[in-house]
Protein backbone atom coordinates (compact mmCIF):
# COMPACT_ATOMS: atom_id res chain seq x y z
CA MET A 1 -36.49 -28.75 -5.78
CA ALA A 2 -34.25 -26.26 -4.20
CA VAL A 3 -32.17 -28.98 -2.66
CA ALA A 4 -31.76 -30.42 -6.85
CA THR A 5 -31.28 -27.02 -8.23
CA GLY A 6 -28.06 -26.56 -5.47
CA LEU A 7 -27.23 -30.16 -6.45
CA SER A 8 -26.86 -29.54 -10.18
CA LEU A 9 -24.80 -26.20 -9.80
CA MET A 10 -22.33 -28.03 -7.61
CA LEU A 11 -22.05 -30.92 -9.78
CA ALA A 12 -21.67 -28.56 -12.96
CA LEU A 13 -18.80 -26.60 -11.16
CA PRO A 14 -16.27 -28.63 -12.92
CA ALA A 15 -17.51 -27.88 -16.26
CA LEU A 16 -17.22 -24.60 -15.86
CA ALA A 17 -13.47 -24.58 -15.02
CA GLN A 18 -11.12 -23.16 -17.31
CA THR A 19 -7.46 -24.74 -17.74
CA VAL A 20 -4.34 -22.69 -17.68
CA ARG A 21 -0.79 -23.78 -18.18
CA LEU A 22 1.36 -21.80 -15.81
CA THR A 23 5.23 -22.20 -16.19
CA VAL A 24 7.68 -20.90 -13.41
CA GLN A 25 10.45 -19.63 -15.50
CA PRO A 26 14.09 -19.43 -14.39
CA PRO A 27 15.20 -16.02 -13.04
CA THR A 28 16.63 -14.16 -15.86
CA ASP A 29 18.53 -11.57 -13.04
CA PRO A 30 18.64 -13.92 -9.78
CA THR A 31 19.93 -10.76 -7.71
CA LEU A 32 16.06 -8.98 -8.99
CA ARG A 33 14.38 -8.29 -5.37
CA ILE A 34 11.02 -7.57 -4.49
CA SER A 35 11.08 -4.86 -1.93
CA LYS A 36 10.05 -5.35 1.09
CA HIS A 37 9.17 -1.43 0.91
CA ILE A 38 6.41 -2.34 -1.90
CA TYR A 39 4.77 -3.46 1.58
CA GLY A 40 4.25 -0.20 3.12
CA HIS A 41 1.14 1.96 4.44
CA PHE A 42 0.09 5.69 5.11
CA ALA A 43 -1.29 7.13 8.16
CA GLU A 44 -2.08 10.28 7.33
CA HIS A 45 -3.82 13.42 9.45
CA LEU A 46 -7.26 12.27 8.22
CA GLY A 47 -10.59 11.38 9.61
CA ARG A 48 -9.51 8.73 12.06
CA CYS A 49 -6.51 7.44 11.07
CA VAL A 50 -4.18 8.91 13.66
CA TYR A 51 -6.53 10.31 16.38
CA ASP A 52 -8.85 7.62 17.65
CA GLY A 53 -7.10 4.82 15.38
CA PHE A 54 -3.45 4.87 16.15
CA TRP A 55 -3.70 7.60 19.19
CA VAL A 56 -6.67 7.08 21.76
CA ASP A 57 -7.71 8.76 24.91
CA GLN A 58 -6.15 7.73 27.75
CA GLY A 59 -9.55 6.36 29.33
CA LEU A 60 -10.09 4.30 26.40
CA ASN A 61 -10.00 0.38 27.84
CA VAL A 62 -7.46 -1.14 25.34
CA PRO A 63 -3.94 -2.28 25.62
CA LYS A 64 -2.00 0.78 25.02
CA GLN A 65 1.72 2.10 25.19
CA GLY A 66 1.09 5.69 26.23
CA ARG A 67 -1.61 6.68 23.94
CA ILE A 68 -0.46 4.01 20.97
CA ARG A 69 -2.94 1.24 20.65
CA MET A 70 -1.46 -1.80 21.20
CA ASP A 71 -3.71 -4.02 19.39
CA ILE A 72 -3.53 -1.85 15.96
CA VAL A 73 0.50 -2.15 16.60
CA GLU A 74 0.51 -5.70 17.01
CA ALA A 75 -1.61 -6.54 13.85
CA LEU A 76 0.91 -4.34 11.56
CA ARG A 77 3.80 -6.03 13.38
CA ASN A 78 2.43 -9.54 12.43
CA ILE A 79 2.16 -8.50 8.56
CA LYS A 80 5.44 -6.93 8.68
CA VAL A 81 4.60 -3.75 7.71
CA ALA A 82 7.81 -1.82 6.00
CA ASN A 83 7.59 1.49 6.20
CA LEU A 84 4.48 4.31 7.35
CA ARG A 85 4.37 7.31 5.51
CA TRP A 86 3.47 10.60 7.51
CA PRO A 87 2.05 13.11 7.98
CA GLY A 88 0.62 12.95 4.73
CA GLY A 89 -0.78 13.51 2.05
CA CYS A 90 -2.39 17.13 1.49
CA TYR A 91 -1.73 17.51 5.14
CA ALA A 92 2.01 17.17 5.02
CA ASP A 93 2.23 20.35 2.88
CA ALA A 94 0.38 22.48 6.06
CA TYR A 95 1.74 20.75 8.70
CA HIS A 96 4.83 22.46 10.50
CA TRP A 97 6.91 19.98 12.69
CA ARG A 98 7.93 22.46 15.52
CA ASP A 99 3.97 22.67 16.06
CA GLY A 100 3.83 18.87 17.41
CA VAL A 101 7.05 18.32 19.51
CA GLY A 102 7.75 19.79 23.47
CA PRO A 103 5.46 19.49 26.10
CA THR A 104 2.34 18.38 24.98
CA ALA A 105 0.41 20.65 26.52
CA GLN A 106 2.37 23.73 25.25
CA ARG A 107 1.79 22.58 21.60
CA PRO A 108 -0.67 24.40 19.78
CA GLN A 109 -4.29 23.90 18.40
CA THR A 110 -4.54 24.32 14.51
CA ILE A 111 -7.36 23.63 11.91
CA ASN A 112 -7.08 20.65 9.36
CA THR A 113 -8.50 22.45 6.70
CA TRP A 114 -8.09 19.76 4.39
CA TRP A 115 -9.84 17.24 5.87
CA GLY A 116 -13.03 18.11 7.40
CA ASP A 117 -11.79 21.22 9.16
CA ALA A 118 -11.05 19.36 12.36
CA VAL A 119 -9.16 21.05 15.23
CA GLU A 120 -5.91 19.63 15.43
CA ASP A 121 -4.17 19.81 19.13
CA ASN A 122 -0.99 17.98 17.66
CA SER A 123 -0.53 15.42 20.65
CA PHE A 124 0.75 13.25 18.18
CA GLY A 125 4.04 14.36 16.76
CA THR A 126 7.10 13.68 15.10
CA HIS A 127 8.70 11.67 18.49
CA GLU A 128 5.13 9.77 18.97
CA PHE A 129 5.06 8.55 14.87
CA LEU A 130 8.97 7.42 15.51
CA GLU A 131 7.57 5.75 18.49
CA LEU A 132 4.89 3.96 16.63
CA CYS A 133 6.98 3.32 13.79
CA LYS A 134 9.46 1.61 16.35
CA LEU A 135 7.02 -0.39 17.75
CA ILE A 136 5.74 -1.72 14.59
CA GLY A 137 8.89 -2.44 13.40
CA ALA A 138 8.29 -0.07 10.17
CA GLU A 139 10.77 2.37 8.84
CA PRO A 140 9.34 6.31 8.77
CA TYR A 141 9.04 7.73 5.83
CA LEU A 142 8.36 11.27 6.33
CA ALA A 143 6.63 14.20 4.07
CA ALA A 144 8.37 17.34 4.03
CA ASN A 145 6.15 20.74 3.95
CA VAL A 146 7.00 22.15 0.42
CA GLY A 147 3.66 23.91 -0.03
CA SER A 148 3.51 25.88 3.00
CA GLY A 149 6.88 25.66 4.35
CA THR A 150 10.55 26.57 3.71
CA VAL A 151 13.76 25.34 2.84
CA GLN A 152 15.02 26.10 6.27
CA GLU A 153 12.14 24.42 8.09
CA MET A 154 12.78 21.06 6.49
CA ALA A 155 16.28 21.43 6.76
CA ASN A 156 16.06 22.12 10.36
CA TRP A 157 13.38 18.91 10.94
CA MET A 158 16.32 16.95 9.35
CA GLU A 159 19.18 18.35 11.71
CA TYR A 160 16.91 17.52 14.78
CA LEU A 161 16.12 13.90 13.83
CA ASN A 162 19.52 13.07 11.95
CA SER A 163 21.83 15.29 13.46
CA ASN A 164 24.42 14.09 16.36
CA ALA A 165 26.39 17.20 16.66
CA ASP A 166 25.99 19.60 19.82
CA THR A 167 23.63 22.16 18.33
CA PRO A 168 20.26 24.35 19.66
CA LEU A 169 17.91 21.86 17.77
CA THR A 170 19.81 18.44 18.79
CA ARG A 171 19.81 19.51 22.43
CA GLN A 172 16.23 20.35 22.41
CA ARG A 173 15.71 16.83 20.59
CA GLY A 174 16.93 15.62 23.78
CA GLN A 175 15.25 17.44 26.19
CA ASN A 176 11.86 16.18 24.52
CA GLY A 177 13.08 12.80 25.62
CA HIS A 178 15.43 11.40 22.45
CA PRO A 179 19.35 12.14 23.07
CA GLU A 180 20.41 9.95 20.03
CA PRO A 181 19.43 10.67 16.61
CA TYR A 182 16.60 9.06 14.84
CA GLY A 183 18.52 8.29 11.37
CA VAL A 184 15.29 9.01 9.20
CA MET A 185 16.22 7.96 5.88
CA MET A 186 12.93 8.00 3.72
CA TRP A 187 12.28 11.94 2.80
CA GLY A 188 9.25 13.08 0.22
CA ILE A 189 10.01 16.50 -0.91
CA GLY A 190 6.65 17.77 -1.07
CA ASN A 191 2.97 15.97 -2.10
CA GLU A 192 1.22 16.16 -4.93
CA SER A 193 2.57 19.37 -6.01
CA TRP A 194 0.32 19.40 -9.26
CA GLY A 195 -2.71 19.81 -6.45
CA CYS A 196 -3.36 20.15 -2.93
CA GLY A 197 0.71 20.42 -2.53
CA GLY A 198 0.82 24.03 -4.06
CA ASN A 199 -0.99 23.58 -7.62
CA MET A 200 2.39 23.74 -9.41
CA THR A 201 3.66 23.14 -12.81
CA VAL A 202 5.95 21.05 -13.24
CA ASP A 203 8.78 22.93 -14.69
CA TYR A 204 8.10 25.09 -11.53
CA TYR A 205 8.11 22.36 -9.03
CA THR A 206 11.40 20.48 -10.30
CA ASP A 207 13.39 24.14 -9.59
CA VAL A 208 11.80 23.91 -6.04
CA TYR A 209 12.79 20.54 -5.57
CA LYS A 210 16.64 21.09 -6.87
CA ARG A 211 16.63 24.19 -3.99
CA TYR A 212 14.82 21.74 -1.20
CA ALA A 213 17.06 18.49 -2.33
CA THR A 214 20.21 20.81 -1.96
CA PHE A 215 19.85 21.96 1.50
CA ALA A 216 18.61 18.30 2.52
CA HIS A 217 21.74 17.51 4.29
CA ASN A 218 23.30 13.91 5.09
CA TYR A 219 24.54 13.91 8.57
CA PRO A 220 27.82 11.90 10.16
CA GLY A 221 26.55 8.86 11.79
CA SER A 222 22.87 9.00 10.29
CA PRO A 223 22.09 6.53 6.94
CA LYS A 224 22.28 8.51 3.49
CA LEU A 225 18.75 10.18 2.86
CA LYS A 226 16.74 8.87 0.62
CA ARG A 227 15.20 11.94 -0.99
CA ILE A 228 12.01 11.43 -3.17
CA VAL A 229 10.70 13.59 -5.64
CA SER A 230 6.62 14.22 -5.71
CA GLY A 231 5.60 12.37 -8.98
CA ALA A 232 2.91 12.24 -11.38
CA ASN A 233 -0.97 12.15 -11.10
CA GLY A 234 -1.92 8.94 -12.66
CA ASP A 235 -0.87 8.76 -16.40
CA ASP A 236 0.51 12.10 -16.57
CA ALA A 237 3.58 11.56 -18.58
CA ASN A 238 4.87 14.92 -18.94
CA TRP A 239 4.98 15.22 -15.29
CA THR A 240 7.47 12.03 -14.79
CA GLU A 241 9.34 12.81 -18.24
CA THR A 242 9.77 16.52 -17.18
CA CYS A 243 11.03 15.33 -13.39
CA MET A 244 13.45 12.90 -15.04
CA ARG A 245 14.88 15.43 -17.62
CA ASN A 246 15.01 18.11 -15.18
CA ILE A 247 16.86 16.93 -11.98
CA PRO A 248 19.91 15.06 -11.57
CA LEU A 249 19.82 11.43 -10.91
CA ASP A 250 21.92 12.12 -7.99
CA GLN A 251 19.39 14.15 -6.14
CA MET A 252 16.83 11.67 -5.96
CA TRP A 253 16.49 8.22 -4.44
CA GLY A 254 12.71 7.79 -5.88
CA LEU A 255 9.89 9.34 -7.84
CA THR A 256 6.49 8.89 -6.31
CA LEU A 257 3.04 8.06 -8.45
CA HIS A 258 -0.39 8.33 -7.12
CA GLN A 259 -3.03 6.09 -8.79
CA TYR A 260 -6.38 5.09 -6.97
CA THR A 261 -8.99 2.95 -7.91
CA LEU A 262 -12.22 4.40 -8.12
CA PRO A 263 -15.45 1.89 -8.58
CA THR A 264 -17.16 4.57 -11.46
CA GLY A 265 -13.90 5.84 -12.33
CA ASN A 266 -15.49 9.60 -11.81
CA TRP A 267 -14.01 11.76 -9.05
CA THR A 268 -16.43 14.74 -9.72
CA GLY A 269 -19.79 12.33 -8.92
CA SER A 270 -20.61 9.39 -7.05
CA LYS A 271 -17.01 7.51 -6.67
CA GLY A 272 -19.35 4.29 -6.30
CA LYS A 273 -20.69 2.19 -2.99
CA ALA A 274 -18.04 0.19 -0.68
CA THR A 275 -20.98 -2.51 -0.13
CA GLY A 276 -24.08 -3.29 -1.60
CA PHE A 277 -22.78 -3.08 -4.94
CA ASN A 278 -23.60 -5.33 -8.19
CA GLU A 279 -21.59 -7.73 -10.38
CA GLN A 280 -21.44 -4.52 -13.19
CA GLU A 281 -20.03 -2.26 -10.54
CA TYR A 282 -17.55 -5.22 -9.30
CA PHE A 283 -16.79 -5.22 -12.71
CA SER A 284 -15.80 -2.00 -13.45
CA THR A 285 -13.71 -1.49 -10.17
CA MET A 286 -11.60 -4.20 -11.41
CA LYS A 287 -11.28 -3.06 -15.11
CA ASN A 288 -10.12 0.84 -13.06
CA CYS A 289 -7.72 -1.83 -11.05
CA LEU A 290 -6.33 -2.99 -14.21
CA LYS A 291 -4.99 0.23 -14.89
CA MET A 292 -2.67 0.22 -12.89
CA GLU A 293 -0.49 -1.91 -15.12
CA ALA A 294 -0.87 0.58 -18.27
CA VAL A 295 0.22 3.48 -15.57
CA VAL A 296 3.50 1.69 -14.19
CA THR A 297 4.43 0.62 -17.41
CA LYS A 298 3.85 3.84 -19.16
CA HIS A 299 5.91 5.57 -16.33
CA ALA A 300 8.66 2.95 -16.05
CA ALA A 301 9.45 3.31 -19.91
CA ILE A 302 9.83 7.04 -19.44
CA MET A 303 11.83 6.74 -16.51
CA ASP A 304 14.30 4.17 -18.60
CA GLN A 305 15.54 6.56 -21.11
CA TYR A 306 16.59 8.59 -18.68
CA ASP A 307 17.93 6.19 -16.25
CA LYS A 308 18.85 3.20 -17.82
CA ASP A 309 20.92 1.67 -14.91
CA LYS A 310 17.52 1.52 -13.18
CA LYS A 311 18.89 3.76 -9.87
CA VAL A 312 15.79 5.80 -9.41
CA ALA A 313 12.95 4.16 -7.77
CA LEU A 314 9.28 4.66 -8.74
CA LEU A 315 7.47 4.50 -5.43
CA VAL A 316 3.28 4.25 -5.77
CA ASP A 317 2.95 5.83 -2.62
CA GLU A 318 -0.63 6.49 -2.87
CA TRP A 319 -3.13 3.61 -4.01
CA GLY A 320 -5.85 1.59 -3.07
CA VAL A 321 -9.90 1.88 -3.59
CA TRP A 322 -11.61 5.07 -3.07
CA THR A 323 -15.57 5.03 -2.54
CA ASP A 324 -18.45 7.15 -0.98
CA VAL A 325 -17.81 7.40 2.47
CA GLU A 326 -19.97 5.21 4.59
CA PRO A 327 -23.69 6.71 4.78
CA GLY A 328 -24.00 9.24 8.04
CA THR A 329 -19.96 9.81 8.49
CA ASN A 330 -18.14 12.94 7.95
CA PRO A 331 -17.42 13.32 4.50
CA GLY A 332 -13.96 14.71 5.33
CA PHE A 333 -12.72 11.92 6.99
CA LEU A 334 -13.29 9.40 4.10
CA TYR A 335 -14.22 6.36 6.46
CA GLN A 336 -15.61 3.40 4.20
CA GLN A 337 -16.00 -0.57 4.55
CA ASN A 338 -13.53 -2.98 3.10
CA SER A 339 -14.94 -5.92 1.11
CA LEU A 340 -13.80 -9.26 -0.45
CA ARG A 341 -14.13 -6.88 -3.65
CA ASP A 342 -11.23 -4.64 -2.03
CA ALA A 343 -8.87 -7.70 -1.12
CA LEU A 344 -9.26 -8.67 -4.92
CA VAL A 345 -7.95 -5.24 -5.85
CA ALA A 346 -5.36 -5.57 -2.98
CA GLY A 347 -3.98 -9.01 -4.52
CA THR A 348 -4.29 -7.85 -8.00
CA THR A 349 -2.65 -4.59 -7.42
CA LEU A 350 0.63 -6.22 -5.44
CA ASN A 351 0.59 -8.45 -7.88
CA ILE A 352 1.46 -5.63 -10.55
CA PHE A 353 3.81 -4.35 -8.05
CA ASN A 354 5.75 -7.36 -7.37
CA ASN A 355 6.17 -8.18 -11.64
CA HIS A 356 7.44 -4.83 -11.91
CA CYS A 357 9.92 -5.11 -8.92
CA ASP A 358 12.99 -3.59 -11.14
CA ARG A 359 11.38 -0.49 -11.22
CA VAL A 360 8.77 -0.26 -8.28
CA ARG A 361 10.71 -0.23 -5.16
CA GLY A 362 7.91 1.33 -2.91
CA ALA A 363 4.47 1.43 -2.30
CA ASN A 364 2.02 2.86 0.17
CA LEU A 365 -1.59 1.82 0.69
CA ALA A 366 -4.20 4.54 1.36
CA GLN A 367 -4.60 4.13 4.44
CA ALA A 368 -3.64 1.78 7.49
CA VAL A 369 -6.72 2.76 9.74
CA ASN A 370 -10.40 3.97 9.33
CA VAL A 371 -9.45 5.66 6.24
CA LEU A 372 -10.15 4.60 2.44
CA GLN A 373 -8.79 0.92 1.86
CA ALA A 374 -8.13 0.59 5.47
CA LEU A 375 -6.17 -2.66 7.16
CA VAL A 376 -7.96 -2.00 10.51
CA LEU A 377 -11.23 -0.48 11.08
CA THR A 378 -12.09 0.73 14.79
CA ASP A 379 -15.39 1.35 16.89
CA LYS A 380 -14.31 2.49 20.59
CA GLU A 381 -12.67 -0.72 22.13
CA ARG A 382 -13.90 -2.74 19.04
CA MET A 383 -11.13 -3.78 16.02
CA LEU A 384 -11.46 -5.60 13.06
CA LEU A 385 -9.10 -6.91 10.70
CA THR A 386 -10.67 -6.19 6.64
CA PRO A 387 -10.46 -8.46 3.99
CA THR A 388 -7.37 -6.49 2.62
CA TYR A 389 -5.37 -6.83 5.84
CA HIS A 390 -5.58 -10.39 5.05
CA VAL A 391 -4.17 -9.75 1.76
CA PHE A 392 -1.05 -8.50 2.99
CA ASP A 393 -0.88 -11.39 5.75
CA LEU A 394 -0.84 -13.66 2.79
CA TYR A 395 1.63 -11.43 0.31
CA GLN A 396 4.19 -10.86 3.35
CA VAL A 397 6.13 -13.80 1.87
CA HIS A 398 7.52 -11.80 -1.15
CA GLN A 399 9.17 -9.22 0.88
CA ASP A 400 12.78 -8.88 -0.25
CA ALA A 401 12.52 -12.58 -1.93
CA GLN A 402 14.13 -13.20 -5.15
CA PHE A 403 11.51 -12.21 -7.85
CA VAL A 404 10.58 -15.05 -10.11
CA PRO A 405 9.10 -14.98 -13.85
CA LEU A 406 5.67 -16.42 -14.66
CA GLN A 407 4.44 -17.13 -17.89
CA PHE A 408 0.68 -18.04 -18.78
CA THR A 409 -2.09 -16.82 -20.91
CA SER A 410 -5.11 -15.70 -18.86
CA PRO A 411 -8.88 -16.94 -19.35
CA GLU A 412 -11.05 -14.18 -19.80
CA TYR A 413 -13.70 -13.16 -17.34
CA VAL A 414 -16.73 -12.01 -19.37
CA LEU A 415 -19.81 -9.95 -18.40
CA ASN A 416 -22.27 -8.13 -20.49
CA GLY A 417 -20.07 -8.56 -23.55
CA GLN A 418 -17.17 -6.82 -21.70
CA LYS A 419 -14.19 -8.76 -20.86
CA LEU A 420 -11.06 -8.92 -18.55
CA PRO A 421 -8.09 -11.09 -17.61
CA ALA A 422 -9.34 -13.88 -15.32
CA LEU A 423 -6.05 -14.64 -13.67
CA ASN A 424 -3.29 -12.75 -12.12
CA ALA A 425 -0.16 -13.75 -10.33
CA SER A 426 3.77 -13.37 -9.01
CA ALA A 427 5.97 -15.24 -7.39
CA SER A 428 9.15 -15.14 -5.51
CA LYS A 429 11.98 -17.37 -4.09
CA ASP A 430 13.00 -16.79 -0.25
CA ALA A 431 16.19 -17.18 1.35
CA ASN A 432 15.46 -20.77 2.42
CA GLY A 433 14.55 -21.73 -1.40
CA ALA A 434 11.12 -22.09 -0.98
CA VAL A 435 9.05 -21.02 -3.91
CA HIS A 436 5.65 -18.62 -3.17
CA ILE A 437 3.08 -18.29 -5.82
CA SER A 438 0.10 -15.55 -5.58
CA LEU A 439 -2.77 -15.87 -7.66
CA VAL A 440 -5.81 -13.83 -7.83
CA ASN A 441 -9.15 -15.14 -9.96
CA LEU A 442 -11.16 -12.15 -10.61
CA ASP A 443 -14.15 -14.40 -12.01
CA THR A 444 -17.13 -14.21 -9.82
CA LYS A 445 -18.16 -17.60 -11.25
CA LYS A 446 -15.78 -19.96 -13.00
CA PRO A 447 -12.63 -21.49 -11.18
CA LEU A 448 -9.46 -22.37 -13.08
CA GLN A 449 -7.66 -24.95 -13.28
CA LEU A 450 -4.00 -24.48 -13.17
CA ALA A 451 -1.78 -27.01 -14.45
CA ALA A 452 1.86 -25.69 -13.78
CA ALA A 453 5.27 -26.45 -14.98
CA LEU A 454 8.09 -25.54 -12.43
CA PRO A 455 11.87 -26.06 -14.25
CA GLY A 456 14.55 -25.73 -12.26
CA VAL A 457 12.55 -25.51 -9.15
CA ASN A 458 13.12 -28.71 -6.57
CA TRP A 459 10.30 -29.13 -4.49
CA LYS A 460 8.31 -31.75 -2.56
CA THR A 461 5.38 -30.05 -0.71
CA VAL A 462 3.07 -27.65 -1.44
CA SER A 463 0.68 -25.91 1.08
CA GLY A 464 -1.52 -22.60 0.71
CA ARG A 465 -4.20 -20.04 2.26
CA ILE A 466 -6.94 -18.53 0.69
CA LEU A 467 -9.38 -15.92 1.09
CA THR A 468 -12.57 -15.93 -0.53
CA SER A 469 -16.23 -15.62 0.48
CA ALA A 470 -19.56 -16.64 -1.11
CA ASN A 471 -20.26 -12.96 -2.33
CA VAL A 472 -17.96 -10.80 -3.64
CA ASN A 473 -19.62 -7.53 -1.38
CA ASP A 474 -19.18 -9.76 1.77
CA TYR A 475 -17.14 -7.67 4.54
CA ASN A 476 -16.51 -7.90 8.00
CA THR A 477 -18.31 -6.15 10.78
CA PHE A 478 -17.90 -5.51 14.79
CA ASP A 479 -20.61 -8.01 15.19
CA ASN A 480 -18.95 -10.46 12.57
CA PRO A 481 -15.66 -10.08 12.38
CA ASN A 482 -14.60 -13.21 10.55
CA LYS A 483 -17.01 -13.57 7.84
CA VAL A 484 -13.98 -12.80 5.53
CA LYS A 485 -11.05 -14.45 6.75
CA LEU A 486 -7.95 -16.84 5.77
CA ALA A 487 -8.57 -20.32 5.38
CA ASP A 488 -5.81 -23.35 4.77
CA PHE A 489 -6.18 -24.04 1.04
CA LYS A 490 -6.31 -28.04 0.22
CA ASP A 491 -6.43 -28.09 -3.65
CA ALA A 492 -3.28 -27.61 -5.05
CA LYS A 493 -1.15 -30.92 -5.64
CA LYS A 494 2.25 -32.63 -7.04
CA ARG A 495 1.72 -34.43 -10.32
CA GLY A 496 5.09 -35.65 -10.67
CA ALA A 497 6.96 -32.53 -11.66
CA ASN A 498 4.01 -30.30 -11.95
CA LEU A 499 1.33 -28.62 -9.86
CA ALA A 500 -2.23 -28.58 -10.25
CA VAL A 501 -4.35 -26.29 -8.33
CA GLU A 502 -8.38 -25.46 -9.02
CA LEU A 503 -8.73 -22.03 -7.69
CA PRO A 504 -11.74 -21.01 -7.17
CA PRO A 505 -13.84 -18.23 -7.96
CA GLN A 506 -13.31 -14.45 -6.68
CA SER A 507 -10.44 -15.73 -4.61
CA VAL A 508 -6.90 -14.85 -3.56
CA LEU A 509 -4.21 -17.86 -2.88
CA VAL A 510 -0.61 -18.23 -2.19
CA LEU A 511 0.93 -21.53 -2.40
CA ALA A 512 4.22 -22.29 -0.76
CA LEU A 513 6.32 -24.77 -2.51
CA LYS A 514 9.27 -26.27 -0.44
């Protein structure tokens, strides 16, 4: 009886499939690119992201360069991490860069009052971070201390890193092992200035920003600075509008936005479980994830009013799933598991960013290792790649590729009378002429039959890789690190000039047309 039931479900599967007609449209702007910096990440001094993540004890039996953990470096290098944001986050506005330079034994111990009152020995500082970025191949994105620091402190940090003149600060840099300038371009001027960065009003912050930006100097021989404004929390339109109105365009390269996905949507109570959730909880998570589309659209429209030429980038430099911490772990360390659901959130969110690449030109998933929606989890010598990591592996083909518009009407994913669009997608064309289409099916039960027209696309073959699993709450463990993993995809066919695809439920798929 059980066998017959399983067989009947398998036979019924095609009847459940919904057909979607999709058109890969000719680009209206051939110069528009999906910035590689959308594929950035975040390394805050929080929990086990830096210490016991990137930076490990000398005695730990893993590949290391100094104390930098090289298996993590290799994993991030493989997905072409474009930039890495540091030292925070809330920690940035409590961090004083001089504490983290010079002989390690002479660096002071401080308290990380934001995250678990952990003792910070400052053994991982500016030089160590920049070495990490070099090893990964990522551009460093530094956050300057505006909340508890001074203009002079920030200006000195910039001189220390970027000047090639003979000054006490540059001589100190040489004594600390790096005679040549680093040439750091990306600088956040404060972080969450509406909250942990100082609880400022937006009018006050914009005045503070202009003062700091005035002293953020460009140095001969180093790249021009990309000064980045601490932007809005979620859909706070007033914050964005006031920043765009009050700050001259030539004083800012970018404006940030922080938007997290909470399964419950509730900051003050339980945020929701990382594992063991039911379908209703999954549905609520995806509903909250999809709010990113409206939030980005809202802020982009405000920016357009003041910056019609789109000179200022919107950087969603904190995003991702935020759940309750894993039971038994330090609540200040924000350690959570990472399931197929989180991968579907990642694929969906990256599709949104790709489709808004005219304005969204940077983003940073929170966070890279052992914190929130991490790419990598570690347990002493053991390391695993999360389902979210695999999405970034799939999507790396979009980095700096030409944006290609798509047109389709999504079927609905229906649960208990509630509805969401089942399908989201984005596409690009790389330097070799290959077209890549990333597709996400959020429906947990129904496959999607895609019939795609590709006018103007010359292609002969199609291949793909897919991420899915039997259950939407499946995740990888240290004992079973490959439960949720990438696989080759065979259900895409060329039919005449068109493309036919059967997209399974709860899956992320990237196709390559060559």
